[in-house]
Amino acid sequence: MKETIINIYPIMQFIVIMFAIVGGYNLLNNIAHILGRFGKDKLDNKKDIHAKDCDTDVMQDLIMKYPNVQKEFMLLPEREQNIENNQEIHEINKKIESIEFLLSRLNIQQSMTLDEVKSKK
């Protein structure tokens, strides 16, 4: 019986050493991932702050370049900006047509008045 225990002991010792090696590898791997993730989070945070600063700089440049445009309009998606611009252009075109119509009527009235003045002379 002692001989079988003595023969199993080296096998058990080998298994324990293998568990220790695998455990040590996993521990070092986890530590490396934690340190890598810490550095990545720090870099990502710096990138986010830089991106926000760039966004505010771009927005300030736009506000200075186009002072009459509202900030809320600049923040709209491009599709909605296009829709609003097209609606505004349509309204302006309607006003221009009505002004042209009134001008043409005014020109007709003015020419009629001039004709009357000429006929009286």
PDB file of N, CA and C in Angstrom:
ATOM      1  N   MET A   1       0.819  -1.175   0.000  1.00  0.00           N
ATOM      2  CA  MET A   1       0.000   0.000   0.000  1.00  0.00           C
ATOM      3  C   MET A   1       0.874   1.254   0.000  1.00  0.00           C
ATOM      4  N   LYS A   2       1.950   1.224   0.726  1.00  0.00           N
ATOM      5  CA  LYS A   2       2.852   2.369   0.765  1.00  0.00           C
ATOM      6  C   LYS A   2       3.460   2.611  -0.610  1.00  0.00           C
ATOM      7  N   GLU A   3       3.656   1.553  -1.347  1.00  0.00           N
ATOM      8  CA  GLU A   3       4.245   1.707  -2.670  1.00  0.00           C
ATOM      9  C   GLU A   3       3.306   2.441  -3.615  1.00  0.00           C
ATOM     10  N   THR A   4       2.005   2.220  -3.537  1.00  0.00           N
ATOM     11  CA  THR A   4       1.052   2.915  -4.414  1.00  0.00           C
ATOM     12  C   THR A   4       0.952   4.395  -4.040  1.00  0.00           C
ATOM     13  N   ILE A   5       1.006   4.726  -2.758  1.00  0.00           N
ATOM     14  CA  ILE A   5       0.962   6.128  -2.334  1.00  0.00           C
ATOM     15  C   ILE A   5       2.221   6.837  -2.799  1.00  0.00           C
ATOM     16  N   ILE A   6       3.323   6.176  -2.701  1.00  0.00           N
ATOM     17  CA  ILE A   6       4.585   6.768  -3.124  1.00  0.00           C
ATOM     18  C   ILE A   6       4.586   6.967  -4.631  1.00  0.00           C
ATOM     19  N   ASN A   7       3.982   6.086  -5.395  1.00  0.00           N
ATOM     20  CA  ASN A   7       3.930   6.216  -6.851  1.00  0.00           C
ATOM     21  C   ASN A   7       2.959   7.324  -7.288  1.00  0.00           C
ATOM     22  N   ILE A   8       1.916   7.599  -6.536  1.00  0.00           N
ATOM     23  CA  ILE A   8       0.936   8.640  -6.871  1.00  0.00           C
ATOM     24  C   ILE A   8       1.477  10.018  -6.485  1.00  0.00           C
ATOM     25  N   TYR A   9       2.312  10.088  -5.511  1.00  0.00           N
ATOM     26  CA  TYR A   9       2.819  11.366  -5.023  1.00  0.00           C
ATOM     27  C   TYR A   9       3.496  12.197  -6.123  1.00  0.00           C
ATOM     28  N   PRO A  10       4.369  11.666  -6.943  1.00  0.00           N
ATOM     29  CA  PRO A  10       4.975  12.490  -8.013  1.00  0.00           C
ATOM     30  C   PRO A  10       3.931  12.980  -9.024  1.00  0.00           C
ATOM     31  N   ILE A  11       2.920  12.173  -9.311  1.00  0.00           N
ATOM     32  CA  ILE A  11       1.866  12.584 -10.248  1.00  0.00           C
ATOM     33  C   ILE A  11       1.076  13.755  -9.651  1.00  0.00           C
ATOM     34  N   MET A  12       0.703  13.635  -8.374  1.00  0.00           N
ATOM     35  CA  MET A  12      -0.033  14.694  -7.690  1.00  0.00           C
ATOM     36  C   MET A  12       0.806  15.968  -7.608  1.00  0.00           C
ATOM     37  N   GLN A  13       2.080  15.784  -7.349  1.00  0.00           N
ATOM     38  CA  GLN A  13       2.975  16.936  -7.283  1.00  0.00           C
ATOM     39  C   GLN A  13       3.044  17.628  -8.655  1.00  0.00           C
ATOM     40  N   PHE A  14       3.095  16.874  -9.729  1.00  0.00           N
ATOM     41  CA  PHE A  14       3.117  17.420 -11.084  1.00  0.00           C
ATOM     42  C   PHE A  14       1.820  18.192 -11.379  1.00  0.00           C
ATOM     43  N   ILE A  15       0.687  17.635 -10.962  1.00  0.00           N
ATOM     44  CA  ILE A  15      -0.616  18.293 -11.186  1.00  0.00           C
ATOM     45  C   ILE A  15      -0.673  19.614 -10.422  1.00  0.00           C
ATOM     46  N   VAL A  16      -0.199  19.640  -9.192  1.00  0.00           N
ATOM     47  CA  VAL A  16      -0.198  20.867  -8.394  1.00  0.00           C
ATOM     48  C   VAL A  16       0.700  21.916  -9.048  1.00  0.00           C
ATOM     49  N   ILE A  17       1.850  21.492  -9.528  1.00  0.00           N
ATOM     50  CA  ILE A  17       2.767  22.432 -10.194  1.00  0.00           C
ATOM     51  C   ILE A  17       2.122  22.992 -11.467  1.00  0.00           C
ATOM     52  N   MET A  18       1.417  22.140 -12.234  1.00  0.00           N
ATOM     53  CA  MET A  18       0.729  22.606 -13.445  1.00  0.00           C
ATOM     54  C   MET A  18      -0.357  23.628 -13.104  1.00  0.00           C
ATOM     55  N   PHE A  19      -1.145  23.347 -12.039  1.00  0.00           N
ATOM     56  CA  PHE A  19      -2.164  24.311 -11.607  1.00  0.00           C
ATOM     57  C   PHE A  19      -1.519  25.631 -11.204  1.00  0.00           C
ATOM     58  N   ALA A  20      -0.377  25.568 -10.538  1.00  0.00           N
ATOM     59  CA  ALA A  20       0.321  26.780 -10.111  1.00  0.00           C
ATOM     60  C   ALA A  20       0.810  27.570 -11.326  1.00  0.00           C
ATOM     61  N   ILE A  21       1.327  26.881 -12.319  1.00  0.00           N
ATOM     62  CA  ILE A  21       1.820  27.552 -13.530  1.00  0.00           C
ATOM     63  C   ILE A  21       0.663  28.222 -14.286  1.00  0.00           C
ATOM     64  N   VAL A  22      -0.428  27.457 -14.471  1.00  0.00           N
ATOM     65  CA  VAL A  22      -1.592  28.004 -15.184  1.00  0.00           C
ATOM     66  C   VAL A  22      -2.197  29.165 -14.387  1.00  0.00           C
ATOM     67  N   GLY A  23      -2.286  29.026 -13.087  1.00  0.00           N
ATOM     68  CA  GLY A  23      -2.816  30.096 -12.248  1.00  0.00           C
ATOM     69  C   GLY A  23      -1.944  31.334 -12.298  1.00  0.00           C
ATOM     70  N   GLY A  24      -0.633  31.144 -12.256  1.00  0.00           N
ATOM     71  CA  GLY A  24       0.294  32.275 -12.347  1.00  0.00           C
ATOM     72  C   GLY A  24       0.170  32.983 -13.692  1.00  0.00           C
ATOM     73  N   TYR A  25       0.036  32.194 -14.763  1.00  0.00           N
ATOM     74  CA  TYR A  25      -0.137  32.788 -16.092  1.00  0.00           C
ATOM     75  C   TYR A  25      -1.436  33.617 -16.147  1.00  0.00           C
ATOM     76  N   ASN A  26      -2.514  33.049 -15.627  1.00  0.00           N
ATOM     77  CA  ASN A  26      -3.795  33.769 -15.624  1.00  0.00           C
ATOM     78  C   ASN A  26      -3.720  35.039 -14.783  1.00  0.00           C
ATOM     79  N   LEU A  27      -3.035  34.966 -13.668  1.00  0.00           N
ATOM     80  CA  LEU A  27      -2.890  36.150 -12.820  1.00  0.00           C
ATOM     81  C   LEU A  27      -2.132  37.248 -13.555  1.00  0.00           C
ATOM     82  N   LEU A  28      -1.016  36.901 -14.177  1.00  0.00           N
ATOM     83  CA  LEU A  28      -0.240  37.888 -14.925  1.00  0.00           C
ATOM     84  C   LEU A  28      -1.036  38.434 -16.120  1.00  0.00           C
ATOM     85  N   ASN A  29      -1.773  37.567 -16.788  1.00  0.00           N
ATOM     86  CA  ASN A  29      -2.598  37.981 -17.926  1.00  0.00           C
ATOM     87  C   ASN A  29      -3.678  38.971 -17.478  1.00  0.00           C
ATOM     88  N   ASN A  30      -4.334  38.677 -16.363  1.00  0.00           N
ATOM     89  CA  ASN A  30      -5.370  39.577 -15.854  1.00  0.00           C
ATOM     90  C   ASN A  30      -4.785  40.927 -15.436  1.00  0.00           C
ATOM     91  N   ILE A  31      -3.627  40.896 -14.800  1.00  0.00           N
ATOM     92  CA  ILE A  31      -2.973  42.144 -14.394  1.00  0.00           C
ATOM     93  C   ILE A  31      -2.621  42.976 -15.628  1.00  0.00           C
ATOM     94  N   ALA A  32      -2.101  42.302 -16.669  1.00  0.00           N
ATOM     95  CA  ALA A  32      -1.753  43.014 -17.904  1.00  0.00           C
ATOM     96  C   ALA A  32      -2.998  43.627 -18.540  1.00  0.00           C
ATOM     97  N   HIS A  33      -4.107  42.906 -18.557  1.00  0.00           N
ATOM     98  CA  HIS A  33      -5.344  43.448 -19.124  1.00  0.00           C
ATOM     99  C   HIS A  33      -5.881  44.632 -18.304  1.00  0.00           C
ATOM    100  N   ILE A  34      -5.783  44.527 -16.993  1.00  0.00           N
ATOM    101  CA  ILE A  34      -6.251  45.628 -16.143  1.00  0.00           C
ATOM    102  C   ILE A  34      -5.412  46.875 -16.392  1.00  0.00           C
ATOM    103  N   LEU A  35      -4.093  46.723 -16.449  1.00  0.00           N
ATOM    104  CA  LEU A  35      -3.228  47.875 -16.712  1.00  0.00           C
ATOM    105  C   LEU A  35      -3.474  48.445 -18.106  1.00  0.00           C
ATOM    106  N   GLY A  36      -3.648  47.563 -19.082  1.00  0.00           N
ATOM    107  CA  GLY A  36      -3.934  48.021 -20.446  1.00  0.00           C
ATOM    108  C   GLY A  36      -5.265  48.753 -20.528  1.00  0.00           C
ATOM    109  N   ARG A  37      -6.266  48.241 -19.840  1.00  0.00           N
ATOM    110  CA  ARG A  37      -7.587  48.879 -19.850  1.00  0.00           C
ATOM    111  C   ARG A  37      -7.535  50.241 -19.153  1.00  0.00           C
ATOM    112  N   PHE A  38      -6.748  50.327 -18.095  1.00  0.00           N
ATOM    113  CA  PHE A  38      -6.607  51.607 -17.395  1.00  0.00           C
ATOM    114  C   PHE A  38      -6.019  52.651 -18.339  1.00  0.00           C
ATOM    115  N   GLY A  39      -4.974  52.280 -19.052  1.00  0.00           N
ATOM    116  CA  GLY A  39      -4.350  53.211 -19.991  1.00  0.00           C
ATOM    117  C   GLY A  39      -5.289  53.583 -21.124  1.00  0.00           C
ATOM    118  N   LYS A  40      -6.047  52.614 -21.609  1.00  0.00           N
ATOM    119  CA  LYS A  40      -6.987  52.868 -22.696  1.00  0.00           C
ATOM    120  C   LYS A  40      -8.095  53.808 -22.243  1.00  0.00           C
ATOM    121  N   ASP A  41      -8.623  53.604 -21.063  1.00  0.00           N
ATOM    122  CA  ASP A  41      -9.663  54.495 -20.545  1.00  0.00           C
ATOM    123  C   ASP A  41      -9.143  55.919 -20.406  1.00  0.00           C
ATOM    124  N   LYS A  42      -7.911  56.040 -19.948  1.00  0.00           N
ATOM    125  CA  LYS A  42      -7.318  57.360 -19.783  1.00  0.00           C
ATOM    126  C   LYS A  42      -7.168  58.040 -21.145  1.00  0.00           C
ATOM    127  N   LEU A  43      -6.703  57.293 -22.160  1.00  0.00           N
ATOM    128  CA  LEU A  43      -6.553  57.856 -23.500  1.00  0.00           C
ATOM    129  C   LEU A  43      -7.913  58.191 -24.106  1.00  0.00           C
ATOM    130  N   ASP A  44      -8.898  57.312 -23.925  1.00  0.00           N
ATOM    131  CA  ASP A  44     -10.241  57.570 -24.461  1.00  0.00           C
ATOM    132  C   ASP A  44     -10.839  58.815 -23.827  1.00  0.00           C
ATOM    133  N   ASN A  45     -10.619  59.007 -22.541  1.00  0.00           N
ATOM    134  CA  ASN A  45     -11.126  60.188 -21.860  1.00  0.00           C
ATOM    135  C   ASN A  45     -10.502  61.453 -22.453  1.00  0.00           C
ATOM    136  N   LYS A  46      -9.187  61.410 -22.709  1.00  0.00           N
ATOM    137  CA  LYS A  46      -8.515  62.561 -23.316  1.00  0.00           C
ATOM    138  C   LYS A  46      -9.063  62.823 -24.717  1.00  0.00           C
ATOM    139  N   LYS A  47      -9.321  61.753 -25.491  1.00  0.00           N
ATOM    140  CA  LYS A  47      -9.876  61.922 -26.835  1.00  0.00           C
ATOM    141  C   LYS A  47     -11.263  62.533 -26.777  1.00  0.00           C
ATOM    142  N   ASP A  48     -12.095  62.090 -25.830  1.00  0.00           N
ATOM    143  CA  ASP A  48     -13.447  62.630 -25.694  1.00  0.00           C
ATOM    144  C   ASP A  48     -13.401  64.117 -25.351  1.00  0.00           C
ATOM    145  N   ILE A  49     -12.520  64.477 -24.427  1.00  0.00           N
ATOM    146  CA  ILE A  49     -12.405  65.883 -24.037  1.00  0.00           C
ATOM    147  C   ILE A  49     -11.922  66.711 -25.225  1.00  0.00           C
ATOM    148  N   HIS A  50     -10.944  66.174 -25.981  1.00  0.00           N
ATOM    149  CA  HIS A  50     -10.432  66.889 -27.157  1.00  0.00           C
ATOM    150  C   HIS A  50     -11.533  67.043 -28.206  1.00  0.00           C
ATOM    151  N   ALA A  51     -12.328  65.990 -28.425  1.00  0.00           N
ATOM    152  CA  ALA A  51     -13.417  66.060 -29.404  1.00  0.00           C
ATOM    153  C   ALA A  51     -14.458  67.093 -28.989  1.00  0.00           C
ATOM    154  N   LYS A  52     -14.784  67.138 -27.699  1.00  0.00           N
ATOM    155  CA  LYS A  52     -15.759  68.129 -27.220  1.00  0.00           C
ATOM    156  C   LYS A  52     -15.211  69.542 -27.393  1.00  0.00           C
ATOM    157  N   ASP A  53     -13.918  69.717 -27.105  1.00  0.00           N
ATOM    158  CA  ASP A  53     -13.313  71.038 -27.293  1.00  0.00           C
ATOM    159  C   ASP A  53     -13.352  71.451 -28.760  1.00  0.00           C
ATOM    160  N   CYS A  54     -13.067  70.495 -29.649  1.00  0.00           N
ATOM    161  CA  CYS A  54     -13.111  70.785 -31.088  1.00  0.00           C
ATOM    162  C   CYS A  54     -14.532  71.146 -31.510  1.00  0.00           C
ATOM    163  N   ASP A  55     -15.528  70.419 -30.984  1.00  0.00           N
ATOM    164  CA  ASP A  55     -16.921  70.716 -31.320  1.00  0.00           C
ATOM    165  C   ASP A  55     -17.298  72.125 -30.881  1.00  0.00           C
ATOM    166  N   THR A  56     -16.878  72.505 -29.674  1.00  0.00           N
ATOM    167  CA  THR A  56     -17.222  73.853 -29.205  1.00  0.00           C
ATOM    168  C   THR A  56     -16.492  74.911 -30.030  1.00  0.00           C
ATOM    169  N   ASP A  57     -15.248  74.615 -30.432  1.00  0.00           N
ATOM    170  CA  ASP A  57     -14.511  75.566 -31.278  1.00  0.00           C
ATOM    171  C   ASP A  57     -15.207  75.737 -32.622  1.00  0.00           C
ATOM    172  N   VAL A  58     -15.626  74.627 -33.217  1.00  0.00           N
ATOM    173  CA  VAL A  58     -16.318  74.687 -34.510  1.00  0.00           C
ATOM    174  C   VAL A  58     -17.618  75.465 -34.364  1.00  0.00           C
ATOM    175  N   MET A  59     -18.351  75.205 -33.295  1.00  0.00           N
ATOM    176  CA  MET A  59     -19.626  75.899 -33.081  1.00  0.00           C
ATOM    177  C   MET A  59     -19.396  77.392 -32.875  1.00  0.00           C
ATOM    178  N   GLN A  60     -18.363  77.759 -32.119  1.00  0.00           N
ATOM    179  CA  GLN A  60     -18.071  79.174 -31.916  1.00  0.00           C
ATOM    180  C   GLN A  60     -17.688  79.854 -33.230  1.00  0.00           C
ATOM    181  N   ASP A  61     -16.908  79.143 -34.069  1.00  0.00           N
ATOM    182  CA  ASP A  61     -16.543  79.692 -35.377  1.00  0.00           C
ATOM    183  C   ASP A  61     -17.778  79.910 -36.238  1.00  0.00           C
ATOM    184  N   LEU A  62     -18.703  78.942 -36.211  1.00  0.00           N
ATOM    185  CA  LEU A  62     -19.932  79.079 -36.996  1.00  0.00           C
ATOM    186  C   LEU A  62     -20.779  80.244 -36.493  1.00  0.00           C
ATOM    187  N   ILE A  63     -20.872  80.379 -35.176  1.00  0.00           N
ATOM    188  CA  ILE A  63     -21.675  81.465 -34.608  1.00  0.00           C
ATOM    189  C   ILE A  63     -21.056  82.818 -34.982  1.00  0.00           C
ATOM    190  N   MET A  64     -19.731  82.888 -34.976  1.00  0.00           N
ATOM    191  CA  MET A  64     -19.086  84.146 -35.348  1.00  0.00           C
ATOM    192  C   MET A  64     -19.231  84.405 -36.853  1.00  0.00           C
ATOM    193  N   LYS A  65     -19.189  83.355 -37.655  1.00  0.00           N
ATOM    194  CA  LYS A  65     -19.280  83.505 -39.104  1.00  0.00           C
ATOM    195  C   LYS A  65     -20.700  83.843 -39.529  1.00  0.00           C
ATOM    196  N   TYR A  66     -21.689  83.216 -38.888  1.00  0.00           N
ATOM    197  CA  TYR A  66     -23.095  83.443 -39.221  1.00  0.00           C
ATOM    198  C   TYR A  66     -23.841  83.886 -37.955  1.00  0.00           C
ATOM    199  N   PRO A  67     -23.741  85.156 -37.586  1.00  0.00           N
ATOM    200  CA  PRO A  67     -24.321  85.591 -36.310  1.00  0.00           C
ATOM    201  C   PRO A  67     -25.849  85.587 -36.297  1.00  0.00           C
ATOM    202  N   ASN A  68     -26.499  85.637 -37.478  1.00  0.00           N
ATOM    203  CA  ASN A  68     -27.954  85.706 -37.511  1.00  0.00           C
ATOM    204  C   ASN A  68     -28.617  84.335 -37.445  1.00  0.00           C
ATOM    205  N   VAL A  69     -27.834  83.271 -37.549  1.00  0.00           N
ATOM    206  CA  VAL A  69     -28.381  81.920 -37.504  1.00  0.00           C
ATOM    207  C   VAL A  69     -28.462  81.469 -36.050  1.00  0.00           C
ATOM    208  N   GLN A  70     -29.621  80.927 -35.688  1.00  0.00           N
ATOM    209  CA  GLN A  70     -29.803  80.482 -34.311  1.00  0.00           C
ATOM    210  C   GLN A  70     -28.991  79.220 -34.046  1.00  0.00           C
ATOM    211  N   LYS A  71     -28.545  79.093 -32.801  1.00  0.00           N
ATOM    212  CA  LYS A  71     -27.729  77.937 -32.407  1.00  0.00           C
ATOM    213  C   LYS A  71     -28.533  76.642 -32.529  1.00  0.00           C
ATOM    214  N   GLU A  72     -29.827  76.692 -32.205  1.00  0.00           N
ATOM    215  CA  GLU A  72     -30.668  75.498 -32.282  1.00  0.00           C
ATOM    216  C   GLU A  72     -30.741  74.983 -33.708  1.00  0.00           C
ATOM    217  N   PHE A  73     -30.767  75.925 -34.686  1.00  0.00           N
ATOM    218  CA  PHE A  73     -30.814  75.522 -36.094  1.00  0.00           C
ATOM    219  C   PHE A  73     -29.518  74.822 -36.494  1.00  0.00           C
ATOM    220  N   MET A  74     -28.389  75.312 -35.989  1.00  0.00           N
ATOM    221  CA  MET A  74     -27.095  74.700 -36.323  1.00  0.00           C
ATOM    222  C   MET A  74     -26.984  73.289 -35.760  1.00  0.00           C
ATOM    223  N   LEU A  75     -27.661  73.036 -34.648  1.00  0.00           N
ATOM    224  CA  LEU A  75     -27.574  71.722 -34.023  1.00  0.00           C
ATOM    225  C   LEU A  75     -28.494  70.695 -34.675  1.00  0.00           C
ATOM    226  N   LEU A  76     -29.414  71.151 -35.539  1.00  0.00           N
ATOM    227  CA  LEU A  76     -30.316  70.221 -36.211  1.00  0.00           C
ATOM    228  C   LEU A  76     -29.542  69.349 -37.190  1.00  0.00           C
ATOM    229  N   PRO A  77     -30.039  68.143 -37.461  1.00  0.00           N
ATOM    230  CA  PRO A  77     -29.413  67.321 -38.500  1.00  0.00           C
ATOM    231  C   PRO A  77     -29.525  68.007 -39.864  1.00  0.00           C
ATOM    232  N   GLU A  78     -28.656  67.635 -40.770  1.00  0.00           N
ATOM    233  CA  GLU A  78     -28.593  68.300 -42.077  1.00  0.00           C
ATOM    234  C   GLU A  78     -29.913  68.180 -42.836  1.00  0.00           C
ATOM    235  N   ARG A  79     -30.572  67.053 -42.711  1.00  0.00           N
ATOM    236  CA  ARG A  79     -31.845  66.854 -43.416  1.00  0.00           C
ATOM    237  C   ARG A  79     -32.889  67.873 -42.949  1.00  0.00           C
ATOM    238  N   GLU A  80     -33.003  68.071 -41.655  1.00  0.00           N
ATOM    239  CA  GLU A  80     -33.969  69.031 -41.130  1.00  0.00           C
ATOM    240  C   GLU A  80     -33.576  70.462 -41.488  1.00  0.00           C
ATOM    241  N   GLN A  81     -32.284  70.744 -41.517  1.00  0.00           N
ATOM    242  CA  GLN A  81     -31.834  72.077 -41.931  1.00  0.00           C
ATOM    243  C   GLN A  81     -32.251  72.341 -43.376  1.00  0.00           C
ATOM    244  N   ASN A  82     -32.075  71.332 -44.240  1.00  0.00           N
ATOM    245  CA  ASN A  82     -32.455  71.488 -45.636  1.00  0.00           C
ATOM    246  C   ASN A  82     -33.953  71.724 -45.778  1.00  0.00           C
ATOM    247  N   ILE A  83     -34.749  71.000 -45.008  1.00  0.00           N
ATOM    248  CA  ILE A  83     -36.202  71.172 -45.067  1.00  0.00           C
ATOM    249  C   ILE A  83     -36.583  72.590 -44.660  1.00  0.00           C
ATOM    250  N   GLU A  84     -36.032  73.052 -43.551  1.00  0.00           N
ATOM    251  CA  GLU A  84     -36.347  74.407 -43.090  1.00  0.00           C
ATOM    252  C   GLU A  84     -35.881  75.457 -44.090  1.00  0.00           C
ATOM    253  N   ASN A  85     -34.696  75.266 -44.661  1.00  0.00           N
ATOM    254  CA  ASN A  85     -34.194  76.218 -45.654  1.00  0.00           C
ATOM    255  C   ASN A  85     -35.099  76.247 -46.885  1.00  0.00           C
ATOM    256  N   ASN A  86     -35.542  75.086 -47.337  1.00  0.00           N
ATOM    257  CA  ASN A  86     -36.416  75.036 -48.505  1.00  0.00           C
ATOM    258  C   ASN A  86     -37.752  75.715 -48.228  1.00  0.00           C
ATOM    259  N   GLN A  87     -38.293  75.518 -47.030  1.00  0.00           N
ATOM    260  CA  GLN A  87     -39.540  76.186 -46.678  1.00  0.00           C
ATOM    261  C   GLN A  87     -39.356  77.706 -46.674  1.00  0.00           C
ATOM    262  N   GLU A  88     -38.250  78.146 -46.118  1.00  0.00           N
ATOM    263  CA  GLU A  88     -37.979  79.580 -46.060  1.00  0.00           C
ATOM    264  C   GLU A  88     -37.793  80.155 -47.464  1.00  0.00           C
ATOM    265  N   ILE A  89     -37.084  79.422 -48.324  1.00  0.00           N
ATOM    266  CA  ILE A  89     -36.886  79.870 -49.706  1.00  0.00           C
ATOM    267  C   ILE A  89     -38.227  79.957 -50.425  1.00  0.00           C
ATOM    268  N   HIS A  90     -39.098  78.994 -50.192  1.00  0.00           N
ATOM    269  CA  HIS A  90     -40.421  79.011 -50.821  1.00  0.00           C
ATOM    270  C   HIS A  90     -41.222  80.238 -50.377  1.00  0.00           C
ATOM    271  N   GLU A  91     -41.188  80.541 -49.095  1.00  0.00           N
ATOM    272  CA  GLU A  91     -41.892  81.726 -48.591  1.00  0.00           C
ATOM    273  C   GLU A  91     -41.316  83.007 -49.200  1.00  0.00           C
ATOM    274  N   ILE A  92     -40.013  83.091 -49.304  1.00  0.00           N
ATOM    275  CA  ILE A  92     -39.370  84.273 -49.886  1.00  0.00           C
ATOM    276  C   ILE A  92     -39.758  84.407 -51.355  1.00  0.00           C
ATOM    277  N   ASN A  93     -39.796  83.286 -52.080  1.00  0.00           N
ATOM    278  CA  ASN A  93     -40.193  83.331 -53.484  1.00  0.00           C
ATOM    279  C   ASN A  93     -41.633  83.824 -53.635  1.00  0.00           C
ATOM    280  N   LYS A  94     -42.526  83.404 -52.737  1.00  0.00           N
ATOM    281  CA  LYS A  94     -43.909  83.896 -52.771  1.00  0.00           C
ATOM    282  C   LYS A  94     -43.947  85.405 -52.574  1.00  0.00           C
ATOM    283  N   LYS A  95     -43.186  85.912 -51.608  1.00  0.00           N
ATOM    284  CA  LYS A  95     -43.154  87.350 -51.350  1.00  0.00           C
ATOM    285  C   LYS A  95     -42.611  88.106 -52.559  1.00  0.00           C
ATOM    286  N   ILE A  96     -41.566  87.558 -53.189  1.00  0.00           N
ATOM    287  CA  ILE A  96     -40.981  88.205 -54.368  1.00  0.00           C
ATOM    288  C   ILE A  96     -42.005  88.270 -55.493  1.00  0.00           C
ATOM    289  N   GLU A  97     -42.750  87.191 -55.703  1.00  0.00           N
ATOM    290  CA  GLU A  97     -43.780  87.180 -56.754  1.00  0.00           C
ATOM    291  C   GLU A  97     -44.850  88.231 -56.482  1.00  0.00           C
ATOM    292  N   SER A  98     -45.275  88.342 -55.224  1.00  0.00           N
ATOM    293  CA  SER A  98     -46.303  89.350 -54.914  1.00  0.00           C
ATOM    294  C   SER A  98     -45.747  90.762 -55.097  1.00  0.00           C
ATOM    295  N   ILE A  99     -44.500  90.977 -54.736  1.00  0.00           N
ATOM    296  CA  ILE A  99     -43.888  92.299 -54.921  1.00  0.00           C
ATOM    297  C   ILE A  99     -43.757  92.611 -56.412  1.00  0.00           C
ATOM    298  N   GLU A 100     -43.346  91.625 -57.214  1.00  0.00           N
ATOM    299  CA  GLU A 100     -43.237  91.836 -58.662  1.00  0.00           C
ATOM    300  C   GLU A 100     -44.602  92.162 -59.261  1.00  0.00           C
ATOM    301  N   PHE A 101     -45.625  91.467 -58.794  1.00  0.00           N
ATOM    302  CA  PHE A 101     -46.971  91.735 -59.288  1.00  0.00           C
ATOM    303  C   PHE A 101     -47.394  93.169 -58.952  1.00  0.00           C
ATOM    304  N   LEU A 102     -47.161  93.572 -57.710  1.00  0.00           N
ATOM    305  CA  LEU A 102     -47.509  94.937 -57.307  1.00  0.00           C
ATOM    306  C   LEU A 102     -46.703  95.977 -58.087  1.00  0.00           C
ATOM    307  N   LEU A 103     -45.443  95.695 -58.337  1.00  0.00           N
ATOM    308  CA  LEU A 103     -44.619  96.618 -59.126  1.00  0.00           C
ATOM    309  C   LEU A 103     -45.130  96.736 -60.558  1.00  0.00           C
ATOM    310  N   SER A 104     -45.513  95.620 -61.134  1.00  0.00           N
ATOM    311  CA  SER A 104     -46.044  95.678 -62.505  1.00  0.00           C
ATOM    312  C   SER A 104     -47.338  96.492 -62.544  1.00  0.00           C
ATOM    313  N   ARG A 105     -48.204  96.317 -61.557  1.00  0.00           N
ATOM    314  CA  ARG A 105     -49.436  97.113 -61.493  1.00  0.00           C
ATOM    315  C   ARG A 105     -49.107  98.586 -61.304  1.00  0.00           C
ATOM    316  N   LEU A 106     -48.125  98.863 -60.471  1.00  0.00           N
ATOM    317  CA  LEU A 106     -47.726 100.243 -60.254  1.00  0.00           C
ATOM    318  C   LEU A 106     -47.189 100.859 -61.542  1.00  0.00           C
ATOM    319  N   ASN A 107     -46.402 100.083 -62.280  1.00  0.00           N
ATOM    320  CA  ASN A 107     -45.870 100.570 -63.555  1.00  0.00           C
ATOM    321  C   ASN A 107     -47.003 100.857 -64.536  1.00  0.00           C
ATOM    322  N   ILE A 108     -47.996  99.991 -64.567  1.00  0.00           N
ATOM    323  CA  ILE A 108     -49.137 100.196 -65.468  1.00  0.00           C
ATOM    324  C   ILE A 108     -49.881 101.466 -65.067  1.00  0.00           C
ATOM    325  N   GLN A 109     -50.117 101.643 -63.780  1.00  0.00           N
ATOM    326  CA  GLN A 109     -50.819 102.839 -63.315  1.00  0.00           C
ATOM    327  C   GLN A 109     -50.011 104.096 -63.625  1.00  0.00           C
ATOM    328  N   GLN A 110     -48.706 104.001 -63.443  1.00  0.00           N
ATOM    329  CA  GLN A 110     -47.852 105.154 -63.695  1.00  0.00           C
ATOM    330  C   GLN A 110     -47.861 105.510 -65.181  1.00  0.00           C
ATOM    331  N   SER A 111     -47.805 104.522 -66.045  1.00  0.00           N
ATOM    332  CA  SER A 111     -47.835 104.792 -67.479  1.00  0.00           C
ATOM    333  C   SER A 111     -49.178 105.373 -67.897  1.00  0.00           C
ATOM    334  N   MET A 112     -50.271 104.895 -67.271  1.00  0.00           N
ATOM    335  CA  MET A 112     -51.594 105.454 -67.570  1.00  0.00           C
ATOM    336  C   MET A 112     -51.664 106.914 -67.135  1.00  0.00           C
ATOM    337  N   THR A 113     -51.095 107.208 -65.988  1.00  0.00           N
ATOM    338  CA  THR A 113     -51.097 108.581 -65.480  1.00  0.00           C
ATOM    339  C   THR A 113     -50.274 109.473 -66.397  1.00  0.00           C
ATOM    340  N   LEU A 114     -49.145 109.010 -66.861  1.00  0.00           N
ATOM    341  CA  LEU A 114     -48.323 109.792 -67.788  1.00  0.00           C
ATOM    342  C   LEU A 114     -49.039 110.025 -69.103  1.00  0.00           C
ATOM    343  N   ASP A 115     -49.759 109.013 -69.560  1.00  0.00           N
ATOM    344  CA  ASP A 115     -50.533 109.167 -70.791  1.00  0.00           C
ATOM    345  C   ASP A 115     -51.611 110.221 -70.620  1.00  0.00           C
ATOM    346  N   GLU A 116     -52.240 110.267 -69.463  1.00  0.00           N
ATOM    347  CA  GLU A 116     -53.274 111.267 -69.213  1.00  0.00           C
ATOM    348  C   GLU A 116     -52.692 112.663 -69.170  1.00  0.00           C
ATOM    349  N   VAL A 117     -51.519 112.797 -68.569  1.00  0.00           N
ATOM    350  CA  VAL A 117     -50.865 114.102 -68.491  1.00  0.00           C
ATOM    351  C   VAL A 117     -50.473 114.572 -69.907  1.00  0.00           C
ATOM    352  N   LYS A 118     -49.994 113.672 -70.724  1.00  0.00           N
ATOM    353  CA  LYS A 118     -49.582 114.014 -72.086  1.00  0.00           C
ATOM    354  C   LYS A 118     -50.803 114.407 -72.932  1.00  0.00           C
ATOM    355  N   SER A 119     -51.882 113.682 -72.705  1.00  0.00           N
ATOM    356  CA  SER A 119     -53.089 113.972 -73.495  1.00  0.00           C
ATOM    357  C   SER A 119     -53.695 115.324 -73.136  1.00  0.00           C
ATOM    358  N   LYS A 120     -53.535 115.788 -71.909  1.00  0.00           N
ATOM    359  CA  LYS A 120     -54.071 117.060 -71.470  1.00  0.00           C
ATOM    360  C   LYS A 120     -53.255 118.223 -72.045  1.00  0.00           C
ATOM    361  N   LYS A 121     -52.060 118.028 -72.390  1.00  0.00           N
ATOM    362  CA  LYS A 121     -51.206 119.108 -72.886  1.00  0.00           C
ATOM    363  C   LYS A 121     -51.564 119.378 -74.278  1.00  0.00           C
TER     364      LYS A 121
END
